[in-house]
Amino acid sequence: MPDLMTTPLLQISFSTLACPDWTWHDVLRFGPAFGYDGVEVRLLARETDLLAVPDLQPSQIPARSRELSEAGFRVAGLASSVRFDQATAAARTEQFEIGRRYIDLCVALGGEFIRVFGDTLPADEDARSQTMQQIAEGLIALGEAAAPAGIQILLETHGDFSASPPCEELMRRVNLPSVGLVWDTHHPWRFHGERVADTWERLRPWTRHTHWKDSITLPAREETAETAAAAQAASSLMSGHLHADYVLFGGGEFPAVDCLRLLLDADYTGWHSLEWEKMWHPQLHGPDIALPLFPKKLREIALLAAMLPTH
């Protein structure tokens, strides 16, 4: 077994989806204590519109920056609900304006990226091509707005873009250095049966950030009122939201060792972010259980991955 000193260096963060009831100050208190280097801010105290969070208003930013510095903690990026699959130009313009304000907030907090969605594509071929072009144009516009500030606009492998071929097609249409991908390592594998090596082969040129989660295969079962309401809330923000039977990281079927080996071989230096979807799946364990587990488990997996032959 390699010595712990040989553990590959990893930047480890978590999405605040894991802790829907936490405030900013809870994140600053528990994030470093649980072994994280930073946070991907998706929501605070159940508010998914970060522009409306009282602690993130412009007058509060100097205090937030000071707190981050004192804690030795970072904002990896902001996970928005911005998406460009809407049918009307007015709706897409509104999404662009929201994205532009997120860029300003990300700069103020010292973050690196804004996560956005595709999110769904029509079945009709002509309509699909048109929607793909609209999404590409939205990403280009937002990427051009973000570039001067050094912020990346990152589309997540989510919804119809959970499959890697549409992501590759879209990135080739965009072809802009300030636009890339959040590779949710779980989604193409679980929802489309892709081998992680095949997904990585397609998405490697544009991957700037990674999401990690784990799941198992369970028989279909009836939803409770609580889980149905949470799923509806997710779908209202992200039309492509898909269900999986999530389990604590490392306890499911996801080939995490193989996946991490691919990233280590490629000298990937971006974040590894736990996306524990407690907000959308209220039956999951709380953050006090799920969050402390991930940094330790990922570093253990990194040791195992480092011992595998290079690809």
C-alpha atoms as a PDB file:
ATOM      1  CA  MET A   1       0.000   0.000   0.000  1.00  0.00           C
ATOM      2  CA  PRO A   2       1.461   3.421  -0.920  1.00  0.00           C
ATOM      3  CA  ASP A   3       2.354   5.764   1.908  1.00  0.00           C
ATOM      4  CA  LEU A   4      -0.200   8.480   2.622  1.00  0.00           C
ATOM      5  CA  MET A   5       2.374  11.014   1.464  1.00  0.00           C
ATOM      6  CA  THR A   6       1.909   9.661  -2.055  1.00  0.00           C
ATOM      7  CA  THR A   7      -1.815  10.464  -2.091  1.00  0.00           C
ATOM      8  CA  PRO A   8      -2.543  12.564  -5.203  1.00  0.00           C
ATOM      9  CA  LEU A   9      -3.397  16.160  -4.411  1.00  0.00           C
ATOM     10  CA  LEU A  10      -7.099  16.786  -4.921  1.00  0.00           C
ATOM     11  CA  GLN A  11      -9.212  19.929  -4.713  1.00  0.00           C
ATOM     12  CA  ILE A  12     -12.325  18.733  -2.883  1.00  0.00           C
ATOM     13  CA  SER A  13     -15.582  20.667  -2.617  1.00  0.00           C
ATOM     14  CA  PHE A  14     -19.255  20.007  -2.007  1.00  0.00           C
ATOM     15  CA  SER A  15     -22.455  21.378  -3.452  1.00  0.00           C
ATOM     16  CA  THR A  16     -24.807  22.996  -0.970  1.00  0.00           C
ATOM     17  CA  LEU A  17     -27.550  20.744  -2.363  1.00  0.00           C
ATOM     18  CA  ALA A  18     -26.291  18.458   0.404  1.00  0.00           C
ATOM     19  CA  CYS A  19     -27.234  20.889   3.164  1.00  0.00           C
ATOM     20  CA  PRO A  20     -30.415  22.701   2.083  1.00  0.00           C
ATOM     21  CA  ASP A  21     -31.063  24.227   5.502  1.00  0.00           C
ATOM     22  CA  TRP A  22     -27.571  25.582   6.057  1.00  0.00           C
ATOM     23  CA  THR A  23     -26.840  29.282   6.021  1.00  0.00           C
ATOM     24  CA  TRP A  24     -23.642  30.842   4.715  1.00  0.00           C
ATOM     25  CA  HIS A  25     -22.203  30.745   8.212  1.00  0.00           C
ATOM     26  CA  ASP A  26     -23.013  27.045   8.557  1.00  0.00           C
ATOM     27  CA  VAL A  27     -21.101  26.399   5.323  1.00  0.00           C
ATOM     28  CA  LEU A  28     -18.095  28.332   6.656  1.00  0.00           C
ATOM     29  CA  ARG A  29     -18.252  26.485   9.968  1.00  0.00           C
ATOM     30  CA  PHE A  30     -18.703  22.914   8.792  1.00  0.00           C
ATOM     31  CA  GLY A  31     -17.060  22.877   5.345  1.00  0.00           C
ATOM     32  CA  PRO A  32     -13.461  23.210   6.568  1.00  0.00           C
ATOM     33  CA  ALA A  33     -14.191  21.075   9.640  1.00  0.00           C
ATOM     34  CA  PHE A  34     -15.381  18.227   7.404  1.00  0.00           C
ATOM     35  CA  GLY A  35     -12.176  18.312   5.333  1.00  0.00           C
ATOM     36  CA  TYR A  36     -13.206  20.361   2.306  1.00  0.00           C
ATOM     37  CA  ASP A  37     -11.118  22.921   0.447  1.00  0.00           C
ATOM     38  CA  GLY A  38     -14.104  24.797  -0.932  1.00  0.00           C
ATOM     39  CA  VAL A  39     -17.794  24.914  -1.704  1.00  0.00           C
ATOM     40  CA  GLU A  40     -19.930  24.954  -4.832  1.00  0.00           C
ATOM     41  CA  VAL A  41     -22.814  27.237  -3.897  1.00  0.00           C
ATOM     42  CA  ARG A  42     -26.122  25.988  -5.308  1.00  0.00           C
ATOM     43  CA  LEU A  43     -28.432  27.318  -2.614  1.00  0.00           C
ATOM     44  CA  LEU A  44     -28.413  28.723   0.890  1.00  0.00           C
ATOM     45  CA  ALA A  45     -31.206  28.135   3.413  1.00  0.00           C
ATOM     46  CA  ARG A  46     -33.270  26.582   0.568  1.00  0.00           C
ATOM     47  CA  GLU A  47     -33.026  29.658  -1.641  1.00  0.00           C
ATOM     48  CA  THR A  48     -31.794  28.531  -5.080  1.00  0.00           C
ATOM     49  CA  ASP A  49     -31.713  32.075  -6.498  1.00  0.00           C
ATOM     50  CA  LEU A  50     -28.356  33.181  -5.115  1.00  0.00           C
ATOM     51  CA  LEU A  51     -29.036  36.720  -6.284  1.00  0.00           C
ATOM     52  CA  ALA A  52     -31.811  36.895  -3.679  1.00  0.00           C
ATOM     53  CA  VAL A  53     -29.808  35.537  -0.718  1.00  0.00           C
ATOM     54  CA  PRO A  54     -29.435  38.304   1.926  1.00  0.00           C
ATOM     55  CA  ASP A  55     -25.886  37.238   2.861  1.00  0.00           C
ATOM     56  CA  LEU A  56     -24.781  37.552  -0.773  1.00  0.00           C
ATOM     57  CA  GLN A  57     -26.038  41.065  -1.471  1.00  0.00           C
ATOM     58  CA  PRO A  58     -23.372  43.544  -2.669  1.00  0.00           C
ATOM     59  CA  SER A  59     -23.182  45.304   0.703  1.00  0.00           C
ATOM     60  CA  GLN A  60     -22.372  41.965   2.377  1.00  0.00           C
ATOM     61  CA  ILE A  61     -19.600  40.821   0.031  1.00  0.00           C
ATOM     62  CA  PRO A  62     -16.663  42.432   1.922  1.00  0.00           C
ATOM     63  CA  ALA A  63     -17.687  40.486   5.034  1.00  0.00           C
ATOM     64  CA  ARG A  64     -18.039  37.253   3.042  1.00  0.00           C
ATOM     65  CA  SER A  65     -14.599  37.711   1.477  1.00  0.00           C
ATOM     66  CA  ARG A  66     -13.046  38.319   4.883  1.00  0.00           C
ATOM     67  CA  GLU A  67     -14.729  35.221   6.325  1.00  0.00           C
ATOM     68  CA  LEU A  68     -13.489  33.041   3.464  1.00  0.00           C
ATOM     69  CA  SER A  69      -9.948  34.305   3.947  1.00  0.00           C
ATOM     70  CA  GLU A  70     -10.025  33.755   7.698  1.00  0.00           C
ATOM     71  CA  ALA A  71     -11.361  30.216   7.235  1.00  0.00           C
ATOM     72  CA  GLY A  72      -8.815  29.313   4.551  1.00  0.00           C
ATOM     73  CA  PHE A  73     -11.808  28.262   2.454  1.00  0.00           C
ATOM     74  CA  ARG A  74     -12.821  29.003  -1.125  1.00  0.00           C
ATOM     75  CA  VAL A  75     -15.897  29.326  -3.282  1.00  0.00           C
ATOM     76  CA  ALA A  76     -15.175  26.933  -6.146  1.00  0.00           C
ATOM     77  CA  GLY A  77     -18.031  28.300  -8.211  1.00  0.00           C
ATOM     78  CA  LEU A  78     -21.725  29.091  -8.349  1.00  0.00           C
ATOM     79  CA  ALA A  79     -24.270  26.535  -9.569  1.00  0.00           C
ATOM     80  CA  SER A  80     -27.050  28.465 -11.280  1.00  0.00           C
ATOM     81  CA  SER A  81     -30.340  27.344 -12.814  1.00  0.00           C
ATOM     82  CA  VAL A  82     -29.568  29.250 -16.034  1.00  0.00           C
ATOM     83  CA  ARG A  83     -30.597  27.299 -19.117  1.00  0.00           C
ATOM     84  CA  PHE A  84     -30.970  28.147 -22.793  1.00  0.00           C
ATOM     85  CA  ASP A  85     -33.450  25.570 -24.097  1.00  0.00           C
ATOM     86  CA  GLN A  86     -36.461  27.949 -23.848  1.00  0.00           C
ATOM     87  CA  ALA A  87     -38.476  28.484 -27.000  1.00  0.00           C
ATOM     88  CA  THR A  88     -38.658  32.289 -26.918  1.00  0.00           C
ATOM     89  CA  ALA A  89     -35.882  34.799 -27.426  1.00  0.00           C
ATOM     90  CA  ALA A  90     -37.231  36.878 -24.527  1.00  0.00           C
ATOM     91  CA  ALA A  91     -36.873  33.937 -22.127  1.00  0.00           C
ATOM     92  CA  ARG A  92     -33.318  33.265 -23.287  1.00  0.00           C
ATOM     93  CA  THR A  93     -32.428  36.953 -22.921  1.00  0.00           C
ATOM     94  CA  GLU A  94     -33.735  36.851 -19.362  1.00  0.00           C
ATOM     95  CA  GLN A  95     -31.551  33.812 -18.685  1.00  0.00           C
ATOM     96  CA  PHE A  96     -28.532  35.627 -20.094  1.00  0.00           C
ATOM     97  CA  GLU A  97     -29.140  38.593 -17.790  1.00  0.00           C
ATOM     98  CA  ILE A  98     -29.386  36.297 -14.778  1.00  0.00           C
ATOM     99  CA  GLY A  99     -26.170  34.607 -15.847  1.00  0.00           C
ATOM    100  CA  ARG A 100     -24.428  37.967 -16.202  1.00  0.00           C
ATOM    101  CA  ARG A 101     -25.371  38.885 -12.637  1.00  0.00           C
ATOM    102  CA  TYR A 102     -24.094  35.503 -11.461  1.00  0.00           C
ATOM    103  CA  ILE A 103     -20.770  36.300 -13.110  1.00  0.00           C
ATOM    104  CA  ASP A 104     -20.511  39.493 -11.060  1.00  0.00           C
ATOM    105  CA  LEU A 105     -21.308  37.589  -7.864  1.00  0.00           C
ATOM    106  CA  CYS A 106     -18.812  34.855  -8.708  1.00  0.00           C
ATOM    107  CA  VAL A 107     -16.051  37.405  -9.244  1.00  0.00           C
ATOM    108  CA  ALA A 108     -16.891  39.091  -5.930  1.00  0.00           C
ATOM    109  CA  LEU A 109     -16.655  35.773  -4.056  1.00  0.00           C
ATOM    110  CA  GLY A 110     -13.448  34.652  -5.762  1.00  0.00           C
ATOM    111  CA  GLY A 111     -15.089  31.754  -7.585  1.00  0.00           C
ATOM    112  CA  GLU A 112     -13.984  30.171 -10.837  1.00  0.00           C
ATOM    113  CA  PHE A 113     -17.117  29.187 -12.741  1.00  0.00           C
ATOM    114  CA  ILE A 114     -20.868  29.413 -13.258  1.00  0.00           C
ATOM    115  CA  ARG A 115     -22.679  26.105 -13.789  1.00  0.00           C
ATOM    116  CA  VAL A 116     -25.491  26.247 -16.371  1.00  0.00           C
ATOM    117  CA  PHE A 117     -27.792  23.749 -18.079  1.00  0.00           C
ATOM    118  CA  GLY A 118     -28.719  22.792 -21.646  1.00  0.00           C
ATOM    119  CA  ASP A 119     -31.281  21.312 -20.694  1.00  0.00           C
ATOM    120  CA  THR A 120     -33.746  19.361 -22.904  1.00  0.00           C
ATOM    121  CA  LEU A 121     -33.874  18.739 -26.649  1.00  0.00           C
ATOM    122  CA  PRO A 122     -36.945  18.096 -28.849  1.00  0.00           C
ATOM    123  CA  ALA A 123     -37.356  14.715 -30.482  1.00  0.00           C
ATOM    124  CA  ASP A 124     -37.969  16.227 -33.936  1.00  0.00           C
ATOM    125  CA  GLU A 125     -34.657  16.493 -35.788  1.00  0.00           C
ATOM    126  CA  ASP A 126     -35.142  20.010 -37.180  1.00  0.00           C
ATOM    127  CA  ALA A 127     -36.422  21.335 -33.850  1.00  0.00           C
ATOM    128  CA  ARG A 128     -33.534  19.619 -32.093  1.00  0.00           C
ATOM    129  CA  SER A 129     -30.974  21.285 -34.347  1.00  0.00           C
ATOM    130  CA  GLN A 130     -32.594  24.674 -33.828  1.00  0.00           C
ATOM    131  CA  THR A 131     -32.653  24.253 -30.050  1.00  0.00           C
ATOM    132  CA  MET A 132     -29.043  23.076 -30.051  1.00  0.00           C
ATOM    133  CA  GLN A 133     -28.065  26.223 -31.930  1.00  0.00           C
ATOM    134  CA  GLN A 134     -30.026  28.425 -29.517  1.00  0.00           C
ATOM    135  CA  ILE A 135     -28.253  26.808 -26.569  1.00  0.00           C
ATOM    136  CA  ALA A 136     -24.888  27.284 -28.287  1.00  0.00           C
ATOM    137  CA  GLU A 137     -25.635  30.957 -28.919  1.00  0.00           C
ATOM    138  CA  GLY A 138     -26.645  31.456 -25.282  1.00  0.00           C
ATOM    139  CA  LEU A 139     -23.426  29.831 -24.079  1.00  0.00           C
ATOM    140  CA  ILE A 140     -21.316  31.903 -26.465  1.00  0.00           C
ATOM    141  CA  ALA A 141     -22.940  35.146 -25.310  1.00  0.00           C
ATOM    142  CA  LEU A 142     -22.489  34.276 -21.637  1.00  0.00           C
ATOM    143  CA  GLY A 143     -18.971  32.974 -22.214  1.00  0.00           C
ATOM    144  CA  GLU A 144     -17.974  36.209 -23.938  1.00  0.00           C
ATOM    145  CA  ALA A 145     -19.404  38.182 -21.007  1.00  0.00           C
ATOM    146  CA  ALA A 146     -17.491  36.017 -18.510  1.00  0.00           C
ATOM    147  CA  ALA A 147     -14.120  35.873 -20.263  1.00  0.00           C
ATOM    148  CA  PRO A 148     -12.787  39.330 -19.266  1.00  0.00           C
ATOM    149  CA  ALA A 149     -13.315  38.439 -15.597  1.00  0.00           C
ATOM    150  CA  GLY A 150     -11.621  35.040 -15.964  1.00  0.00           C
ATOM    151  CA  ILE A 151     -14.841  33.167 -15.156  1.00  0.00           C
ATOM    152  CA  GLN A 152     -15.742  29.909 -16.901  1.00  0.00           C
ATOM    153  CA  ILE A 153     -19.276  29.101 -18.067  1.00  0.00           C
ATOM    154  CA  LEU A 154     -19.705  25.359 -17.569  1.00  0.00           C
ATOM    155  CA  LEU A 155     -22.565  23.273 -18.935  1.00  0.00           C
ATOM    156  CA  GLU A 156     -23.370  20.249 -16.782  1.00  0.00           C
ATOM    157  CA  THR A 157     -23.916  16.731 -18.105  1.00  0.00           C
ATOM    158  CA  HIS A 158     -27.546  16.930 -17.051  1.00  0.00           C
ATOM    159  CA  GLY A 159     -30.951  16.385 -18.648  1.00  0.00           C
ATOM    160  CA  ASP A 160     -30.624  15.468 -22.308  1.00  0.00           C
ATOM    161  CA  PHE A 161     -26.979  16.454 -22.012  1.00  0.00           C
ATOM    162  CA  SER A 162     -26.386  13.640 -19.530  1.00  0.00           C
ATOM    163  CA  ALA A 163     -25.358  11.677 -22.610  1.00  0.00           C
ATOM    164  CA  SER A 164     -21.904  12.665 -23.801  1.00  0.00           C
ATOM    165  CA  PRO A 165     -22.551  12.841 -27.595  1.00  0.00           C
ATOM    166  CA  PRO A 166     -24.865  15.905 -27.354  1.00  0.00           C
ATOM    167  CA  CYS A 167     -22.332  17.568 -25.025  1.00  0.00           C
ATOM    168  CA  GLU A 168     -19.535  17.006 -27.508  1.00  0.00           C
ATOM    169  CA  GLU A 169     -21.689  18.291 -30.356  1.00  0.00           C
ATOM    170  CA  LEU A 170     -22.617  21.400 -28.408  1.00  0.00           C
ATOM    171  CA  MET A 171     -19.050  22.175 -27.330  1.00  0.00           C
ATOM    172  CA  ARG A 172     -17.876  21.925 -30.931  1.00  0.00           C
ATOM    173  CA  ARG A 173     -20.589  24.386 -31.938  1.00  0.00           C
ATOM    174  CA  VAL A 174     -19.569  26.796 -29.175  1.00  0.00           C
ATOM    175  CA  ASN A 175     -15.781  26.502 -29.582  1.00  0.00           C
ATOM    176  CA  LEU A 176     -14.971  29.188 -27.007  1.00  0.00           C
ATOM    177  CA  PRO A 177     -12.197  28.888 -24.380  1.00  0.00           C
ATOM    178  CA  SER A 178     -14.352  30.404 -21.629  1.00  0.00           C
ATOM    179  CA  VAL A 179     -17.084  27.768 -22.094  1.00  0.00           C
ATOM    180  CA  GLY A 180     -16.617  24.192 -20.937  1.00  0.00           C
ATOM    181  CA  LEU A 181     -18.250  21.361 -19.052  1.00  0.00           C
ATOM    182  CA  VAL A 182     -19.081  20.128 -15.594  1.00  0.00           C
ATOM    183  CA  TRP A 183     -18.691  16.383 -15.966  1.00  0.00           C
ATOM    184  CA  ASP A 184     -21.182  14.844 -13.580  1.00  0.00           C
ATOM    185  CA  THR A 185     -19.298  11.566 -13.610  1.00  0.00           C
ATOM    186  CA  HIS A 186     -22.368   9.620 -12.482  1.00  0.00           C
ATOM    187  CA  HIS A 187     -24.985  10.758 -15.003  1.00  0.00           C
ATOM    188  CA  PRO A 188     -23.734   9.434 -18.375  1.00  0.00           C
ATOM    189  CA  TRP A 189     -22.872   6.127 -16.704  1.00  0.00           C
ATOM    190  CA  ARG A 190     -26.147   5.682 -14.825  1.00  0.00           C
ATOM    191  CA  PHE A 191     -28.691   7.189 -17.224  1.00  0.00           C
ATOM    192  CA  HIS A 192     -27.149   6.168 -20.562  1.00  0.00           C
ATOM    193  CA  GLY A 193     -25.001   3.149 -19.762  1.00  0.00           C
ATOM    194  CA  GLU A 194     -21.801   4.850 -20.895  1.00  0.00           C
ATOM    195  CA  ARG A 195     -18.439   3.498 -19.809  1.00  0.00           C
ATOM    196  CA  VAL A 196     -16.625   6.233 -17.900  1.00  0.00           C
ATOM    197  CA  ALA A 197     -13.633   5.830 -20.229  1.00  0.00           C
ATOM    198  CA  ASP A 198     -15.820   6.451 -23.279  1.00  0.00           C
ATOM    199  CA  THR A 199     -17.420   9.515 -21.691  1.00  0.00           C
ATOM    200  CA  TRP A 200     -14.020  10.900 -20.739  1.00  0.00           C
ATOM    201  CA  GLU A 201     -12.681  10.325 -24.232  1.00  0.00           C
ATOM    202  CA  ARG A 202     -15.460  12.535 -25.630  1.00  0.00           C
ATOM    203  CA  LEU A 203     -15.583  15.204 -22.946  1.00  0.00           C
ATOM    204  CA  ARG A 204     -11.960  15.521 -21.833  1.00  0.00           C
ATOM    205  CA  PRO A 205     -11.112  18.634 -23.934  1.00  0.00           C
ATOM    206  CA  TRP A 206     -13.823  20.680 -22.212  1.00  0.00           C
ATOM    207  CA  THR A 207     -14.030  19.246 -18.674  1.00  0.00           C
ATOM    208  CA  ARG A 208     -13.203  21.923 -16.088  1.00  0.00           C
ATOM    209  CA  HIS A 209     -15.119  20.686 -13.013  1.00  0.00           C
ATOM    210  CA  THR A 210     -16.452  17.329 -11.825  1.00  0.00           C
ATOM    211  CA  HIS A 211     -19.452  16.203  -9.796  1.00  0.00           C
ATOM    212  CA  TRP A 212     -19.384  12.963  -7.830  1.00  0.00           C
ATOM    213  CA  LYS A 213     -22.180  10.799  -6.479  1.00  0.00           C
ATOM    214  CA  ASP A 214     -23.040   7.116  -6.184  1.00  0.00           C
ATOM    215  CA  SER A 215     -26.187   5.056  -6.672  1.00  0.00           C
ATOM    216  CA  ILE A 216     -27.591   1.547  -6.806  1.00  0.00           C
ATOM    217  CA  THR A 217     -30.282  -0.137  -8.868  1.00  0.00           C
ATOM    218  CA  LEU A 218     -33.554  -0.620  -6.990  1.00  0.00           C
ATOM    219  CA  PRO A 219     -37.011  -1.762  -8.132  1.00  0.00           C
ATOM    220  CA  ALA A 220     -39.480   1.017  -8.862  1.00  0.00           C
ATOM    221  CA  ARG A 221     -41.444   2.090  -5.808  1.00  0.00           C
ATOM    222  CA  GLU A 222     -44.210   4.517  -4.983  1.00  0.00           C
ATOM    223  CA  GLU A 223     -43.225   8.067  -4.086  1.00  0.00           C
ATOM    224  CA  THR A 224     -44.229   9.675  -0.836  1.00  0.00           C
ATOM    225  CA  ALA A 225     -45.816  13.109  -0.818  1.00  0.00           C
ATOM    226  CA  GLU A 226     -42.512  14.574   0.388  1.00  0.00           C
ATOM    227  CA  THR A 227     -40.362  12.979  -2.303  1.00  0.00           C
ATOM    228  CA  ALA A 228     -42.901  13.849  -5.020  1.00  0.00           C
ATOM    229  CA  ALA A 229     -42.909  17.497  -3.938  1.00  0.00           C
ATOM    230  CA  ALA A 230     -39.105  17.629  -3.952  1.00  0.00           C
ATOM    231  CA  ALA A 231     -38.941  16.051  -7.408  1.00  0.00           C
ATOM    232  CA  GLN A 232     -41.466  18.579  -8.701  1.00  0.00           C
ATOM    233  CA  ALA A 233     -39.408  21.430  -7.236  1.00  0.00           C
ATOM    234  CA  ALA A 234     -36.317  20.098  -9.016  1.00  0.00           C
ATOM    235  CA  SER A 235     -38.146  19.752 -12.324  1.00  0.00           C
ATOM    236  CA  SER A 236     -39.483  23.294 -12.092  1.00  0.00           C
ATOM    237  CA  LEU A 237     -35.892  24.570 -12.123  1.00  0.00           C
ATOM    238  CA  MET A 238     -34.346  21.887 -14.337  1.00  0.00           C
ATOM    239  CA  SER A 239     -36.694  20.290 -16.850  1.00  0.00           C
ATOM    240  CA  GLY A 240     -34.182  17.503 -17.469  1.00  0.00           C
ATOM    241  CA  HIS A 241     -33.903  16.382 -13.847  1.00  0.00           C
ATOM    242  CA  LEU A 242     -33.660  12.564 -13.652  1.00  0.00           C
ATOM    243  CA  HIS A 243     -34.134  10.188 -10.752  1.00  0.00           C
ATOM    244  CA  ALA A 244     -31.543   7.796  -9.351  1.00  0.00           C
ATOM    245  CA  ASP A 245     -31.390   5.764  -6.166  1.00  0.00           C
ATOM    246  CA  TYR A 246     -28.506   7.533  -4.472  1.00  0.00           C
ATOM    247  CA  VAL A 247     -26.389   6.039  -1.692  1.00  0.00           C
ATOM    248  CA  LEU A 248     -23.483   7.328   0.349  1.00  0.00           C
ATOM    249  CA  PHE A 249     -20.395   7.779  -1.784  1.00  0.00           C
ATOM    250  CA  GLY A 250     -18.420   4.579  -2.180  1.00  0.00           C
ATOM    251  CA  GLY A 251     -21.350   2.386  -1.167  1.00  0.00           C
ATOM    252  CA  GLY A 252     -22.941   1.944  -4.587  1.00  0.00           C
ATOM    253  CA  GLU A 253     -22.206   0.737  -8.093  1.00  0.00           C
ATOM    254  CA  PHE A 254     -20.395   3.721  -9.617  1.00  0.00           C
ATOM    255  CA  PRO A 255     -16.843   2.799 -10.812  1.00  0.00           C
ATOM    256  CA  ALA A 256     -15.183   5.632  -8.904  1.00  0.00           C
ATOM    257  CA  VAL A 257     -11.663   4.149  -8.911  1.00  0.00           C
ATOM    258  CA  ASP A 258     -11.613   3.777 -12.695  1.00  0.00           C
ATOM    259  CA  CYS A 259     -13.064   7.247 -13.139  1.00  0.00           C
ATOM    260  CA  LEU A 260     -10.561   8.930 -10.863  1.00  0.00           C
ATOM    261  CA  ARG A 261      -7.702   7.082 -12.564  1.00  0.00           C
ATOM    262  CA  LEU A 262      -8.715   8.671 -15.869  1.00  0.00           C
ATOM    263  CA  LEU A 263      -8.537  12.112 -14.308  1.00  0.00           C
ATOM    264  CA  LEU A 264      -5.203  11.431 -12.593  1.00  0.00           C
ATOM    265  CA  ASP A 265      -3.701  10.161 -15.848  1.00  0.00           C
ATOM    266  CA  ALA A 266      -4.782  13.395 -17.544  1.00  0.00           C
ATOM    267  CA  ASP A 267      -3.320  15.587 -14.761  1.00  0.00           C
ATOM    268  CA  TYR A 268      -6.757  17.066 -14.150  1.00  0.00           C
ATOM    269  CA  THR A 269      -6.416  19.916 -11.646  1.00  0.00           C
ATOM    270  CA  GLY A 270     -10.041  21.022 -11.281  1.00  0.00           C
ATOM    271  CA  TRP A 271     -12.383  20.446  -8.381  1.00  0.00           C
ATOM    272  CA  HIS A 272     -13.900  17.150  -7.284  1.00  0.00           C
ATOM    273  CA  SER A 273     -17.283  18.181  -5.915  1.00  0.00           C
ATOM    274  CA  LEU A 274     -19.703  15.978  -3.999  1.00  0.00           C
ATOM    275  CA  GLU A 275     -23.237  16.581  -5.251  1.00  0.00           C
ATOM    276  CA  TRP A 276     -25.328  14.911  -2.558  1.00  0.00           C
ATOM    277  CA  GLU A 277     -28.853  15.802  -3.696  1.00  0.00           C
ATOM    278  CA  LYS A 278     -30.523  16.092  -0.300  1.00  0.00           C
ATOM    279  CA  MET A 279     -32.555  19.090  -1.524  1.00  0.00           C
ATOM    280  CA  TRP A 280     -34.212  17.037  -4.268  1.00  0.00           C
ATOM    281  CA  HIS A 281     -34.225  13.695  -2.418  1.00  0.00           C
ATOM    282  CA  PRO A 282     -35.316  14.419   1.171  1.00  0.00           C
ATOM    283  CA  GLN A 283     -35.121  10.751   2.150  1.00  0.00           C
ATOM    284  CA  LEU A 284     -31.314  10.833   1.890  1.00  0.00           C
ATOM    285  CA  HIS A 285     -29.031  11.023   4.903  1.00  0.00           C
ATOM    286  CA  GLY A 286     -28.387  14.509   6.227  1.00  0.00           C
ATOM    287  CA  PRO A 287     -25.203  16.524   5.697  1.00  0.00           C
ATOM    288  CA  ASP A 288     -23.818  15.521   9.078  1.00  0.00           C
ATOM    289  CA  ILE A 289     -23.456  11.975   7.706  1.00  0.00           C
ATOM    290  CA  ALA A 290     -22.887  12.434   3.970  1.00  0.00           C
ATOM    291  CA  LEU A 291     -20.459  15.346   3.954  1.00  0.00           C
ATOM    292  CA  PRO A 292     -17.713  14.150   6.366  1.00  0.00           C
ATOM    293  CA  LEU A 293     -17.492  10.845   4.484  1.00  0.00           C
ATOM    294  CA  PHE A 294     -16.602  12.163   1.034  1.00  0.00           C
ATOM    295  CA  PRO A 295     -13.131  13.754   1.418  1.00  0.00           C
ATOM    296  CA  LYS A 296     -11.755  10.736   3.260  1.00  0.00           C
ATOM    297  CA  LYS A 297     -13.350   8.277   0.847  1.00  0.00           C
ATOM    298  CA  LEU A 298     -12.200  10.128  -2.259  1.00  0.00           C
ATOM    299  CA  ARG A 299      -8.620  10.216  -0.984  1.00  0.00           C
ATOM    300  CA  GLU A 300      -8.775   6.476  -0.274  1.00  0.00           C
ATOM    301  CA  ILE A 301     -10.018   5.929  -3.816  1.00  0.00           C
ATOM    302  CA  ALA A 302      -7.216   8.139  -5.128  1.00  0.00           C
ATOM    303  CA  LEU A 303      -4.674   5.819  -3.472  1.00  0.00           C
ATOM    304  CA  LEU A 304      -6.279   2.807  -5.152  1.00  0.00           C
ATOM    305  CA  ALA A 305      -6.520   4.626  -8.475  1.00  0.00           C
ATOM    306  CA  ALA A 306      -2.843   5.590  -8.321  1.00  0.00           C
ATOM    307  CA  MET A 307      -1.927   1.888  -8.134  1.00  0.00           C
ATOM    308  CA  LEU A 308      -3.821   0.995 -11.315  1.00  0.00           C
ATOM    309  CA  PRO A 309      -1.906   0.762 -14.603  1.00  0.00           C
ATOM    310  CA  THR A 310      -2.068   3.947 -16.645  1.00  0.00           C
ATOM    311  CA  HIS A 311      -4.574   3.973 -19.488  1.00  0.00           C
END
